[in-house]
Amino acid sequence: MNETEVIEICRTSIITLVIVCGPILIIMMVLGTVISVFQAVTQISEQTLAMVPKVMLVFGLSILLMPFMLSELTSFFQHEVADRIVAIGVGATQNGGAPFTPGSGVNPGAAPTAQ
C-alpha cells in the first residue's frame, strides 16, 4: 500500500463521514439558530429550553436516518475496506500484472487462467 492509496482511503472516509453525519448536523444547526432567536426575542435564558429539544431531535433523527446511515457505512466498508483486505490476501497482481484496484470489477479471487 503506497501513500496514494492511503490518501484515497482517507479522502473517501471523510466524504462518507460528511454524508452520514451531515443531515443531523445541519438540522441541529437550524434548530439551534431557531431556539437562539426565540430566546433572544423573549429574553428567556433557560438552558433546558435549548438542550432538551436538541437531544430529542438527535435521538429522533438517529432512529429515522439509521437505515440510510447504515447503508452508506456498509457500502463504504464493502467497496473500500473489504476489497483492499481481499486484495492483500490474494496478492495485488491478479489483474494481468497491474495492481488490484477496489471497485474495478476484477475478481481478485479468480485463479489465473493457464494458456
PDB file of N, CA and C in Angstrom:
ATOM      1  N   MET A   1       0.857  -1.168   0.000  1.00  0.00           N
ATOM      2  CA  MET A   1       0.000   0.000   0.000  1.00  0.00           C
ATOM      3  C   MET A   1       0.903   1.231   0.000  1.00  0.00           C
ATOM      4  N   ASN A   2       0.701   2.082  -0.974  1.00  0.00           N
ATOM      5  CA  ASN A   2       1.522   3.287  -1.054  1.00  0.00           C
ATOM      6  C   ASN A   2       0.750   4.492  -0.526  1.00  0.00           C
ATOM      7  N   GLU A   3       1.406   5.649  -0.546  1.00  0.00           N
ATOM      8  CA  GLU A   3       0.778   6.840   0.031  1.00  0.00           C
ATOM      9  C   GLU A   3      -0.438   7.303  -0.756  1.00  0.00           C
ATOM     10  N   THR A   4      -0.499   7.025  -2.039  1.00  0.00           N
ATOM     11  CA  THR A   4      -1.668   7.403  -2.833  1.00  0.00           C
ATOM     12  C   THR A   4      -2.905   6.638  -2.378  1.00  0.00           C
ATOM     13  N   GLU A   5      -2.758   5.354  -2.114  1.00  0.00           N
ATOM     14  CA  GLU A   5      -3.884   4.563  -1.634  1.00  0.00           C
ATOM     15  C   GLU A   5      -4.333   4.996  -0.246  1.00  0.00           C
ATOM     16  N   VAL A   6      -3.376   5.354   0.608  1.00  0.00           N
ATOM     17  CA  VAL A   6      -3.723   5.818   1.954  1.00  0.00           C
ATOM     18  C   VAL A   6      -4.492   7.135   1.866  1.00  0.00           C
ATOM     19  N   ILE A   7      -4.039   8.035   1.017  1.00  0.00           N
ATOM     20  CA  ILE A   7      -4.737   9.319   0.835  1.00  0.00           C
ATOM     21  C   ILE A   7      -6.133   9.086   0.273  1.00  0.00           C
ATOM     22  N   GLU A   8      -6.274   8.145  -0.639  1.00  0.00           N
ATOM     23  CA  GLU A   8      -7.588   7.836  -1.215  1.00  0.00           C
ATOM     24  C   GLU A   8      -8.532   7.271  -0.152  1.00  0.00           C
ATOM     25  N   ILE A   9      -8.032   6.387   0.700  1.00  0.00           N
ATOM     26  CA  ILE A   9      -8.861   5.846   1.780  1.00  0.00           C
ATOM     27  C   ILE A   9      -9.286   6.952   2.730  1.00  0.00           C
ATOM     28  N   CYS A  10      -8.359   7.832   3.087  1.00  0.00           N
ATOM     29  CA  CYS A  10      -8.686   8.948   3.991  1.00  0.00           C
ATOM     30  C   CYS A  10      -9.714   9.880   3.357  1.00  0.00           C
ATOM     31  N   ARG A  11      -9.539  10.189   2.070  1.00  0.00           N
ATOM     32  CA  ARG A  11     -10.481  11.070   1.381  1.00  0.00           C
ATOM     33  C   ARG A  11     -11.873  10.451   1.340  1.00  0.00           C
ATOM     34  N   THR A  12     -11.953   9.195   0.999  1.00  0.00           N
ATOM     35  CA  THR A  12     -13.243   8.511   0.939  1.00  0.00           C
ATOM     36  C   THR A  12     -13.869   8.395   2.331  1.00  0.00           C
ATOM     37  N   SER A  13     -13.041   8.185   3.348  1.00  0.00           N
ATOM     38  CA  SER A  13     -13.555   8.112   4.719  1.00  0.00           C
ATOM     39  C   SER A  13     -14.165   9.434   5.154  1.00  0.00           C
ATOM     40  N   ILE A  14     -13.499  10.533   4.833  1.00  0.00           N
ATOM     41  CA  ILE A  14     -14.010  11.848   5.216  1.00  0.00           C
ATOM     42  C   ILE A  14     -15.298  12.162   4.474  1.00  0.00           C
ATOM     43  N   ILE A  15     -15.359  11.841   3.189  1.00  0.00           N
ATOM     44  CA  ILE A  15     -16.591  12.076   2.419  1.00  0.00           C
ATOM     45  C   ILE A  15     -17.738  11.245   2.990  1.00  0.00           C
ATOM     46  N   THR A  16     -17.475   9.988   3.325  1.00  0.00           N
ATOM     47  CA  THR A  16     -18.510   9.134   3.914  1.00  0.00           C
ATOM     48  C   THR A  16     -18.961   9.684   5.270  1.00  0.00           C
ATOM     49  N   LEU A  17     -18.025  10.166   6.060  1.00  0.00           N
ATOM     50  CA  LEU A  17     -18.367  10.758   7.358  1.00  0.00           C
ATOM     51  C   LEU A  17     -19.269  11.973   7.195  1.00  0.00           C
ATOM     52  N   VAL A  18     -18.962  12.822   6.228  1.00  0.00           N
ATOM     53  CA  VAL A  18     -19.788  14.008   5.988  1.00  0.00           C
ATOM     54  C   VAL A  18     -21.180  13.605   5.504  1.00  0.00           C
ATOM     55  N   ILE A  19     -21.255  12.614   4.637  1.00  0.00           N
ATOM     56  CA  ILE A  19     -22.555  12.164   4.131  1.00  0.00           C
ATOM     57  C   ILE A  19     -23.398  11.560   5.251  1.00  0.00           C
ATOM     58  N   VAL A  20     -22.764  10.804   6.149  1.00  0.00           N
ATOM     59  CA  VAL A  20     -23.506  10.142   7.224  1.00  0.00           C
ATOM     60  C   VAL A  20     -23.926  11.136   8.311  1.00  0.00           C
ATOM     61  N   CYS A  21     -23.031  12.009   8.710  1.00  0.00           N
ATOM     62  CA  CYS A  21     -23.315  12.927   9.823  1.00  0.00           C
ATOM     63  C   CYS A  21     -23.925  14.249   9.381  1.00  0.00           C
ATOM     64  N   GLY A  22     -23.770  14.597   8.115  1.00  0.00           N
ATOM     65  CA  GLY A  22     -24.213  15.892   7.617  1.00  0.00           C
ATOM     66  C   GLY A  22     -25.667  16.241   7.866  1.00  0.00           C
ATOM     67  N   PRO A  23     -26.611  15.364   7.526  1.00  0.00           N
ATOM     68  CA  PRO A  23     -28.019  15.719   7.725  1.00  0.00           C
ATOM     69  C   PRO A  23     -28.364  16.049   9.180  1.00  0.00           C
ATOM     70  N   ILE A  24     -27.856  15.276  10.109  1.00  0.00           N
ATOM     71  CA  ILE A  24     -28.151  15.536  11.522  1.00  0.00           C
ATOM     72  C   ILE A  24     -27.516  16.855  11.957  1.00  0.00           C
ATOM     73  N   LEU A  25     -26.280  17.100  11.545  1.00  0.00           N
ATOM     74  CA  LEU A  25     -25.606  18.331  11.954  1.00  0.00           C
ATOM     75  C   LEU A  25     -26.277  19.573  11.382  1.00  0.00           C
ATOM     76  N   ILE A  26     -26.718  19.494  10.131  1.00  0.00           N
ATOM     77  CA  ILE A  26     -27.377  20.652   9.509  1.00  0.00           C
ATOM     78  C   ILE A  26     -28.704  20.945  10.196  1.00  0.00           C
ATOM     79  N   ILE A  27     -29.494  19.912  10.450  1.00  0.00           N
ATOM     80  CA  ILE A  27     -30.788  20.121  11.114  1.00  0.00           C
ATOM     81  C   ILE A  27     -30.577  20.626  12.542  1.00  0.00           C
ATOM     82  N   MET A  28     -29.548  20.117  13.223  1.00  0.00           N
ATOM     83  CA  MET A  28     -29.242  20.613  14.570  1.00  0.00           C
ATOM     84  C   MET A  28     -28.841  22.084  14.541  1.00  0.00           C
ATOM     85  N   MET A  29     -28.084  22.487  13.533  1.00  0.00           N
ATOM     86  CA  MET A  29     -27.671  23.881  13.421  1.00  0.00           C
ATOM     87  C   MET A  29     -28.879  24.784  13.192  1.00  0.00           C
ATOM     88  N   VAL A  30     -29.806  24.345  12.346  1.00  0.00           N
ATOM     89  CA  VAL A  30     -31.016  25.126  12.096  1.00  0.00           C
ATOM     90  C   VAL A  30     -31.852  25.226  13.367  1.00  0.00           C
ATOM     91  N   LEU A  31     -32.032  24.113  14.066  1.00  0.00           N
ATOM     92  CA  LEU A  31     -32.803  24.143  15.318  1.00  0.00           C
ATOM     93  C   LEU A  31     -32.138  25.032  16.365  1.00  0.00           C
ATOM     94  N   GLY A  32     -30.829  24.960  16.487  1.00  0.00           N
ATOM     95  CA  GLY A  32     -30.114  25.810  17.429  1.00  0.00           C
ATOM     96  C   GLY A  32     -30.288  27.282  17.122  1.00  0.00           C
ATOM     97  N   THR A  33     -30.276  27.634  15.829  1.00  0.00           N
ATOM     98  CA  THR A  33     -30.490  29.027  15.434  1.00  0.00           C
ATOM     99  C   THR A  33     -31.907  29.474  15.774  1.00  0.00           C
ATOM    100  N   VAL A  34     -32.884  28.635  15.497  1.00  0.00           N
ATOM    101  CA  VAL A  34     -34.286  28.978  15.804  1.00  0.00           C
ATOM    102  C   VAL A  34     -34.471  29.160  17.307  1.00  0.00           C
ATOM    103  N   ILE A  35     -33.907  28.268  18.103  1.00  0.00           N
ATOM    104  CA  ILE A  35     -34.034  28.378  19.560  1.00  0.00           C
ATOM    105  C   ILE A  35     -33.321  29.629  20.067  1.00  0.00           C
ATOM    106  N   SER A  36     -32.153  29.928  19.514  1.00  0.00           N
ATOM    107  CA  SER A  36     -31.426  31.128  19.940  1.00  0.00           C
ATOM    108  C   SER A  36     -32.188  32.400  19.613  1.00  0.00           C
ATOM    109  N   VAL A  37     -32.792  32.452  18.428  1.00  0.00           N
ATOM    110  CA  VAL A  37     -33.593  33.620  18.071  1.00  0.00           C
ATOM    111  C   VAL A  37     -34.799  33.730  18.995  1.00  0.00           C
ATOM    112  N   PHE A  38     -35.448  32.599  19.282  1.00  0.00           N
ATOM    113  CA  PHE A  38     -36.587  32.605  20.203  1.00  0.00           C
ATOM    114  C   PHE A  38     -36.167  33.101  21.584  1.00  0.00           C
ATOM    115  N   GLN A  39     -35.028  32.630  22.080  1.00  0.00           N
ATOM    116  CA  GLN A  39     -34.554  33.070  23.389  1.00  0.00           C
ATOM    117  C   GLN A  39     -34.181  34.547  23.386  1.00  0.00           C
ATOM    118  N   ALA A  40     -33.624  35.038  22.300  1.00  0.00           N
ATOM    119  CA  ALA A  40     -33.258  36.453  22.226  1.00  0.00           C
ATOM    120  C   ALA A  40     -34.499  37.340  22.169  1.00  0.00           C
ATOM    121  N   VAL A  41     -35.513  36.901  21.433  1.00  0.00           N
ATOM    122  CA  VAL A  41     -36.736  37.700  21.306  1.00  0.00           C
ATOM    123  C   VAL A  41     -37.499  37.731  22.625  1.00  0.00           C
ATOM    124  N   THR A  42     -37.599  36.596  23.289  1.00  0.00           N
ATOM    125  CA  THR A  42     -38.382  36.528  24.525  1.00  0.00           C
ATOM    126  C   THR A  42     -37.548  36.808  25.773  1.00  0.00           C
ATOM    127  N   GLN A  43     -36.250  36.952  25.630  1.00  0.00           N
ATOM    128  CA  GLN A  43     -35.312  37.179  26.734  1.00  0.00           C
ATOM    129  C   GLN A  43     -35.389  36.082  27.791  1.00  0.00           C
ATOM    130  N   ILE A  44     -35.637  34.870  27.335  1.00  0.00           N
ATOM    131  CA  ILE A  44     -35.628  33.701  28.222  1.00  0.00           C
ATOM    132  C   ILE A  44     -34.232  33.094  28.129  1.00  0.00           C
ATOM    133  N   SER A  45     -33.574  32.941  29.248  1.00  0.00           N
ATOM    134  CA  SER A  45     -32.213  32.396  29.223  1.00  0.00           C
ATOM    135  C   SER A  45     -32.146  31.024  29.887  1.00  0.00           C
ATOM    136  N   GLU A  46     -33.154  30.255  29.721  1.00  0.00           N
ATOM    137  CA  GLU A  46     -33.222  28.920  30.312  1.00  0.00           C
ATOM    138  C   GLU A  46     -32.402  27.944  29.467  1.00  0.00           C
ATOM    139  N   GLN A  47     -31.466  27.238  30.090  1.00  0.00           N
ATOM    140  CA  GLN A  47     -30.598  26.320  29.353  1.00  0.00           C
ATOM    141  C   GLN A  47     -31.322  25.055  28.910  1.00  0.00           C
ATOM    142  N   THR A  48     -32.301  24.608  29.695  1.00  0.00           N
ATOM    143  CA  THR A  48     -33.019  23.395  29.291  1.00  0.00           C
ATOM    144  C   THR A  48     -33.869  23.637  28.061  1.00  0.00           C
ATOM    145  N   LEU A  49     -34.266  24.887  27.838  1.00  0.00           N
ATOM    146  CA  LEU A  49     -35.027  25.212  26.631  1.00  0.00           C
ATOM    147  C   LEU A  49     -34.188  24.965  25.379  1.00  0.00           C
ATOM    148  N   ALA A  50     -32.893  25.153  25.489  1.00  0.00           N
ATOM    149  CA  ALA A  50     -32.007  24.913  24.347  1.00  0.00           C
ATOM    150  C   ALA A  50     -31.580  23.455  24.248  1.00  0.00           C
ATOM    151  N   MET A  51     -31.412  22.793  25.381  1.00  0.00           N
ATOM    152  CA  MET A  51     -30.825  21.462  25.376  1.00  0.00           C
ATOM    153  C   MET A  51     -31.816  20.337  25.095  1.00  0.00           C
ATOM    154  N   VAL A  52     -32.969  20.362  25.712  1.00  0.00           N
ATOM    155  CA  VAL A  52     -33.926  19.259  25.596  1.00  0.00           C
ATOM    156  C   VAL A  52     -34.396  19.056  24.153  1.00  0.00           C
ATOM    157  N   PRO A  53     -34.802  20.092  23.421  1.00  0.00           N
ATOM    158  CA  PRO A  53     -35.212  19.845  22.027  1.00  0.00           C
ATOM    159  C   PRO A  53     -34.089  19.305  21.157  1.00  0.00           C
ATOM    160  N   LYS A  54     -32.865  19.763  21.400  1.00  0.00           N
ATOM    161  CA  LYS A  54     -31.736  19.264  20.604  1.00  0.00           C
ATOM    162  C   LYS A  54     -31.479  17.787  20.867  1.00  0.00           C
ATOM    163  N   VAL A  55     -31.516  17.384  22.115  1.00  0.00           N
ATOM    164  CA  VAL A  55     -31.292  15.973  22.450  1.00  0.00           C
ATOM    165  C   VAL A  55     -32.392  15.104  21.859  1.00  0.00           C
ATOM    166  N   MET A  56     -33.627  15.552  21.972  1.00  0.00           N
ATOM    167  CA  MET A  56     -34.740  14.774  21.416  1.00  0.00           C
ATOM    168  C   MET A  56     -34.652  14.711  19.890  1.00  0.00           C
ATOM    169  N   LEU A  57     -34.234  15.804  19.262  1.00  0.00           N
ATOM    170  CA  LEU A  57     -34.107  15.809  17.809  1.00  0.00           C
ATOM    171  C   LEU A  57     -32.999  14.869  17.341  1.00  0.00           C
ATOM    172  N   VAL A  58     -31.869  14.869  18.029  1.00  0.00           N
ATOM    173  CA  VAL A  58     -30.784  13.953  17.662  1.00  0.00           C
ATOM    174  C   VAL A  58     -31.240  12.503  17.814  1.00  0.00           C
ATOM    175  N   PHE A  59     -31.936  12.200  18.892  1.00  0.00           N
ATOM    176  CA  PHE A  59     -32.435  10.845  19.105  1.00  0.00           C
ATOM    177  C   PHE A  59     -33.407  10.445  17.999  1.00  0.00           C
ATOM    178  N   GLY A  60     -34.364  11.320  17.690  1.00  0.00           N
ATOM    179  CA  GLY A  60     -35.345  11.021  16.648  1.00  0.00           C
ATOM    180  C   GLY A  60     -34.730  10.899  15.268  1.00  0.00           C
ATOM    181  N   LEU A  61     -33.825  11.818  14.936  1.00  0.00           N
ATOM    182  CA  LEU A  61     -33.174  11.753  13.627  1.00  0.00           C
ATOM    183  C   LEU A  61     -32.278  10.538  13.498  1.00  0.00           C
ATOM    184  N   SER A  62     -31.638  10.154  14.586  1.00  0.00           N
ATOM    185  CA  SER A  62     -30.792   8.957  14.543  1.00  0.00           C
ATOM    186  C   SER A  62     -31.615   7.721  14.225  1.00  0.00           C
ATOM    187  N   ILE A  63     -32.781   7.616  14.826  1.00  0.00           N
ATOM    188  CA  ILE A  63     -33.657   6.477  14.535  1.00  0.00           C
ATOM    189  C   ILE A  63     -34.201   6.564  13.115  1.00  0.00           C
ATOM    190  N   LEU A  64     -34.614   7.755  12.702  1.00  0.00           N
ATOM    191  CA  LEU A  64     -35.194   7.942  11.381  1.00  0.00           C
ATOM    192  C   LEU A  64     -34.181   7.712  10.255  1.00  0.00           C
ATOM    193  N   LEU A  65     -32.954   8.181  10.446  1.00  0.00           N
ATOM    194  CA  LEU A  65     -31.937   8.091   9.389  1.00  0.00           C
ATOM    195  C   LEU A  65     -31.030   6.873   9.512  1.00  0.00           C
ATOM    196  N   MET A  66     -31.287   6.002  10.474  1.00  0.00           N
ATOM    197  CA  MET A  66     -30.418   4.843  10.681  1.00  0.00           C
ATOM    198  C   MET A  66     -30.299   3.941   9.444  1.00  0.00           C
ATOM    199  N   PRO A  67     -31.374   3.643   8.714  1.00  0.00           N
ATOM    200  CA  PRO A  67     -31.184   2.803   7.511  1.00  0.00           C
ATOM    201  C   PRO A  67     -30.271   3.454   6.468  1.00  0.00           C
ATOM    202  N   PHE A  68     -30.419   4.754   6.270  1.00  0.00           N
ATOM    203  CA  PHE A  68     -29.563   5.472   5.325  1.00  0.00           C
ATOM    204  C   PHE A  68     -28.105   5.454   5.787  1.00  0.00           C
ATOM    205  N   MET A  69     -27.882   5.753   7.065  1.00  0.00           N
ATOM    206  CA  MET A  69     -26.517   5.785   7.580  1.00  0.00           C
ATOM    207  C   MET A  69     -25.878   4.403   7.526  1.00  0.00           C
ATOM    208  N   LEU A  70     -26.645   3.380   7.854  1.00  0.00           N
ATOM    209  CA  LEU A  70     -26.123   2.014   7.821  1.00  0.00           C
ATOM    210  C   LEU A  70     -25.785   1.581   6.393  1.00  0.00           C
ATOM    211  N   SER A  71     -26.620   1.949   5.430  1.00  0.00           N
ATOM    212  CA  SER A  71     -26.323   1.580   4.042  1.00  0.00           C
ATOM    213  C   SER A  71     -25.082   2.296   3.530  1.00  0.00           C
ATOM    214  N   GLU A  72     -24.892   3.555   3.909  1.00  0.00           N
ATOM    215  CA  GLU A  72     -23.691   4.288   3.487  1.00  0.00           C
ATOM    216  C   GLU A  72     -22.432   3.676   4.094  1.00  0.00           C
ATOM    217  N   LEU A  73     -22.483   3.350   5.374  1.00  0.00           N
ATOM    218  CA  LEU A  73     -21.316   2.761   6.024  1.00  0.00           C
ATOM    219  C   LEU A  73     -21.034   1.356   5.501  1.00  0.00           C
ATOM    220  N   THR A  74     -22.080   0.593   5.225  1.00  0.00           N
ATOM    221  CA  THR A  74     -21.893  -0.742   4.655  1.00  0.00           C
ATOM    222  C   THR A  74     -21.278  -0.661   3.269  1.00  0.00           C
ATOM    223  N   SER A  75     -21.764   0.265   2.469  1.00  0.00           N
ATOM    224  CA  SER A  75     -21.210   0.457   1.131  1.00  0.00           C
ATOM    225  C   SER A  75     -19.741   0.867   1.200  1.00  0.00           C
ATOM    226  N   PHE A  76     -19.417   1.775   2.108  1.00  0.00           N
ATOM    227  CA  PHE A  76     -18.020   2.188   2.270  1.00  0.00           C
ATOM    228  C   PHE A  76     -17.155   0.997   2.659  1.00  0.00           C
ATOM    229  N   PHE A  77     -17.624   0.207   3.602  1.00  0.00           N
ATOM    230  CA  PHE A  77     -16.824  -0.938   4.036  1.00  0.00           C
ATOM    231  C   PHE A  77     -16.626  -1.946   2.914  1.00  0.00           C
ATOM    232  N   GLN A  78     -17.698  -2.238   2.179  1.00  0.00           N
ATOM    233  CA  GLN A  78     -17.590  -3.238   1.122  1.00  0.00           C
ATOM    234  C   GLN A  78     -16.694  -2.772  -0.020  1.00  0.00           C
ATOM    235  N   HIS A  79     -16.832  -1.505  -0.427  1.00  0.00           N
ATOM    236  CA  HIS A  79     -16.105  -1.033  -1.603  1.00  0.00           C
ATOM    237  C   HIS A  79     -14.689  -0.575  -1.297  1.00  0.00           C
ATOM    238  N   GLU A  80     -14.412  -0.162  -0.101  1.00  0.00           N
ATOM    239  CA  GLU A  80     -13.079   0.333   0.217  1.00  0.00           C
ATOM    240  C   GLU A  80     -12.293  -0.639   1.079  1.00  0.00           C
ATOM    241  N   VAL A  81     -12.834  -0.998   2.213  1.00  0.00           N
ATOM    242  CA  VAL A  81     -12.071  -1.785   3.180  1.00  0.00           C
ATOM    243  C   VAL A  81     -12.013  -3.257   2.784  1.00  0.00           C
ATOM    244  N   ALA A  82     -13.153  -3.867   2.525  1.00  0.00           N
ATOM    245  CA  ALA A  82     -13.181  -5.304   2.244  1.00  0.00           C
ATOM    246  C   ALA A  82     -12.432  -5.637   0.954  1.00  0.00           C
ATOM    247  N   ASP A  83     -12.584  -4.817  -0.073  1.00  0.00           N
ATOM    248  CA  ASP A  83     -11.868  -5.081  -1.324  1.00  0.00           C
ATOM    249  C   ASP A  83     -10.360  -5.003  -1.131  1.00  0.00           C
ATOM    250  N   ARG A  84      -9.912  -4.086  -0.298  1.00  0.00           N
ATOM    251  CA  ARG A  84      -8.471  -3.972  -0.049  1.00  0.00           C
ATOM    252  C   ARG A  84      -7.957  -5.151   0.785  1.00  0.00           C
ATOM    253  N   ILE A  85      -8.773  -5.617   1.717  1.00  0.00           N
ATOM    254  CA  ILE A  85      -8.376  -6.788   2.503  1.00  0.00           C
ATOM    255  C   ILE A  85      -8.255  -8.006   1.593  1.00  0.00           C
ATOM    256  N   VAL A  86      -9.209  -8.180   0.688  1.00  0.00           N
ATOM    257  CA  VAL A  86      -9.156  -9.299  -0.256  1.00  0.00           C
ATOM    258  C   VAL A  86      -7.940  -9.164  -1.158  1.00  0.00           C
ATOM    259  N   ALA A  87      -7.652  -7.946  -1.609  1.00  0.00           N
ATOM    260  CA  ALA A  87      -6.504  -7.731  -2.481  1.00  0.00           C
ATOM    261  C   ALA A  87      -5.200  -8.094  -1.782  1.00  0.00           C
ATOM    262  N   ILE A  88      -5.100  -7.801  -0.504  1.00  0.00           N
ATOM    263  CA  ILE A  88      -3.900  -8.166   0.252  1.00  0.00           C
ATOM    264  C   ILE A  88      -3.798  -9.684   0.357  1.00  0.00           C
ATOM    265  N   GLY A  89      -4.937 -10.344   0.555  1.00  0.00           N
ATOM    266  CA  GLY A  89      -4.933 -11.793   0.733  1.00  0.00           C
ATOM    267  C   GLY A  89      -4.570 -12.565  -0.512  1.00  0.00           C
ATOM    268  N   VAL A  90      -4.937 -12.076  -1.703  1.00  0.00           N
ATOM    269  CA  VAL A  90      -4.674 -12.828  -2.926  1.00  0.00           C
ATOM    270  C   VAL A  90      -3.434 -12.346  -3.646  1.00  0.00           C
ATOM    271  N   GLY A  91      -2.784 -11.350  -3.109  1.00  0.00           N
ATOM    272  CA  GLY A  91      -1.676 -10.749  -3.844  1.00  0.00           C
ATOM    273  C   GLY A  91      -2.273  -9.748  -4.808  1.00  0.00           C
ATOM    274  N   ALA A  92      -1.726  -8.599  -4.882  1.00  0.00           N
ATOM    275  CA  ALA A  92      -2.384  -7.493  -5.573  1.00  0.00           C
ATOM    276  C   ALA A  92      -2.142  -7.484  -7.068  1.00  0.00           C
ATOM    277  N   THR A  93      -1.736  -8.605  -7.677  1.00  0.00           N
ATOM    278  CA  THR A  93      -1.435  -8.565  -9.105  1.00  0.00           C
ATOM    279  C   THR A  93      -2.189  -9.625  -9.888  1.00  0.00           C
ATOM    280  N   GLN A  94      -3.419  -9.885  -9.583  1.00  0.00           N
ATOM    281  CA  GLN A  94      -4.234 -10.830 -10.340  1.00  0.00           C
ATOM    282  C   GLN A  94      -4.764 -10.203 -11.621  1.00  0.00           C
ATOM    283  N   ASN A  95      -4.538  -8.933 -11.804  1.00  0.00           N
ATOM    284  CA  ASN A  95      -5.112  -8.189 -12.917  1.00  0.00           C
ATOM    285  C   ASN A  95      -4.112  -8.089 -14.061  1.00  0.00           C
ATOM    286  N   GLY A  96      -3.501  -9.183 -14.432  1.00  0.00           N
ATOM    287  CA  GLY A  96      -2.570  -9.165 -15.545  1.00  0.00           C
ATOM    288  C   GLY A  96      -1.307  -8.381 -15.236  1.00  0.00           C
ATOM    289  N   GLY A  97      -0.881  -8.359 -14.004  1.00  0.00           N
ATOM    290  CA  GLY A  97       0.323  -7.641 -13.630  1.00  0.00           C
ATOM    291  C   GLY A  97       0.052  -6.249 -13.100  1.00  0.00           C
ATOM    292  N   ALA A  98      -1.154  -5.725 -13.360  1.00  0.00           N
ATOM    293  CA  ALA A  98      -1.492  -4.398 -12.850  1.00  0.00           C
ATOM    294  C   ALA A  98      -1.961  -4.524 -11.411  1.00  0.00           C
ATOM    295  N   PRO A  99      -1.743  -3.511 -10.604  1.00  0.00           N
ATOM    296  CA  PRO A  99      -2.223  -3.574  -9.213  1.00  0.00           C
ATOM    297  C   PRO A  99      -3.733  -3.677  -9.169  1.00  0.00           C
ATOM    298  N   PHE A 100      -4.222  -4.386  -8.174  1.00  0.00           N
ATOM    299  CA  PHE A 100      -5.667  -4.532  -7.993  1.00  0.00           C
ATOM    300  C   PHE A 100      -6.238  -3.237  -7.450  1.00  0.00           C
ATOM    301  N   THR A 101      -7.273  -2.738  -8.088  1.00  0.00           N
ATOM    302  CA  THR A 101      -7.934  -1.529  -7.600  1.00  0.00           C
ATOM    303  C   THR A 101      -9.351  -1.894  -7.195  1.00  0.00           C
ATOM    304  N   PRO A 102      -9.743  -1.575  -5.959  1.00  0.00           N
ATOM    305  CA  PRO A 102     -11.087  -1.896  -5.490  1.00  0.00           C
ATOM    306  C   PRO A 102     -12.148  -1.223  -6.342  1.00  0.00           C
ATOM    307  N   GLY A 103     -13.221  -1.927  -6.577  1.00  0.00           N
ATOM    308  CA  GLY A 103     -14.320  -1.381  -7.363  1.00  0.00           C
ATOM    309  C   GLY A 103     -14.098  -1.448  -8.859  1.00  0.00           C
ATOM    310  N   SER A 104     -13.026  -2.115  -9.310  1.00  0.00           N
ATOM    311  CA  SER A 104     -12.726  -2.154 -10.745  1.00  0.00           C
ATOM    312  C   SER A 104     -13.475  -3.268 -11.459  1.00  0.00           C
ATOM    313  N   GLY A 105     -14.124  -4.149 -10.720  1.00  0.00           N
ATOM    314  CA  GLY A 105     -14.861  -5.236 -11.340  1.00  0.00           C
ATOM    315  C   GLY A 105     -14.020  -6.469 -11.550  1.00  0.00           C
ATOM    316  N   VAL A 106     -12.726  -6.393 -11.279  1.00  0.00           N
ATOM    317  CA  VAL A 106     -11.854  -7.540 -11.418  1.00  0.00           C
ATOM    318  C   VAL A 106     -12.044  -8.420 -10.199  1.00  0.00           C
ATOM    319  N   ASN A 107     -12.254  -9.698 -10.422  1.00  0.00           N
ATOM    320  CA  ASN A 107     -12.450 -10.633  -9.324  1.00  0.00           C
ATOM    321  C   ASN A 107     -11.083 -11.100  -8.829  1.00  0.00           C
ATOM    322  N   PRO A 108     -10.645 -10.622  -7.666  1.00  0.00           N
ATOM    323  CA  PRO A 108      -9.312 -10.997  -7.194  1.00  0.00           C
ATOM    324  C   PRO A 108      -9.216 -12.450  -6.752  1.00  0.00           C
ATOM    325  N   GLY A 109     -10.353 -13.107  -6.528  1.00  0.00           N
ATOM    326  CA  GLY A 109     -10.315 -14.490  -6.081  1.00  0.00           C
ATOM    327  C   GLY A 109     -10.198 -15.482  -7.240  1.00  0.00           C
ATOM    328  N   ALA A 110     -10.370 -15.006  -8.463  1.00  0.00           N
ATOM    329  CA  ALA A 110     -10.307 -15.906  -9.603  1.00  0.00           C
ATOM    330  C   ALA A 110      -8.871 -16.341  -9.857  1.00  0.00           C
ATOM    331  N   ALA A 111      -8.719 -17.626 -10.106  1.00  0.00           N
ATOM    332  CA  ALA A 111      -7.386 -18.159 -10.379  1.00  0.00           C
ATOM    333  C   ALA A 111      -6.957 -17.722 -11.777  1.00  0.00           C
ATOM    334  N   PRO A 112      -5.693 -17.438 -11.970  1.00  0.00           N
ATOM    335  CA  PRO A 112      -5.226 -17.069 -13.303  1.00  0.00           C
ATOM    336  C   PRO A 112      -5.424 -18.235 -14.274  1.00  0.00           C
ATOM    337  N   THR A 113      -5.819 -17.926 -15.480  1.00  0.00           N
ATOM    338  CA  THR A 113      -6.077 -18.978 -16.467  1.00  0.00           C
ATOM    339  C   THR A 113      -4.774 -19.361 -17.152  1.00  0.00           C
ATOM    340  N   ALA A 114      -4.548 -20.660 -17.293  1.00  0.00           N
ATOM    341  CA  ALA A 114      -3.353 -21.156 -17.980  1.00  0.00           C
ATOM    342  C   ALA A 114      -3.633 -21.201 -19.478  1.00  0.00           C
ATOM    343  N   GLN A 115      -2.699 -20.730 -20.251  1.00  0.00           N
ATOM    344  CA  GLN A 115      -2.909 -20.675 -21.693  1.00  0.00           C
ATOM    345  C   GLN A 115      -2.044 -21.641 -22.421  1.00  0.00           C
TER     346      GLN A 115
END
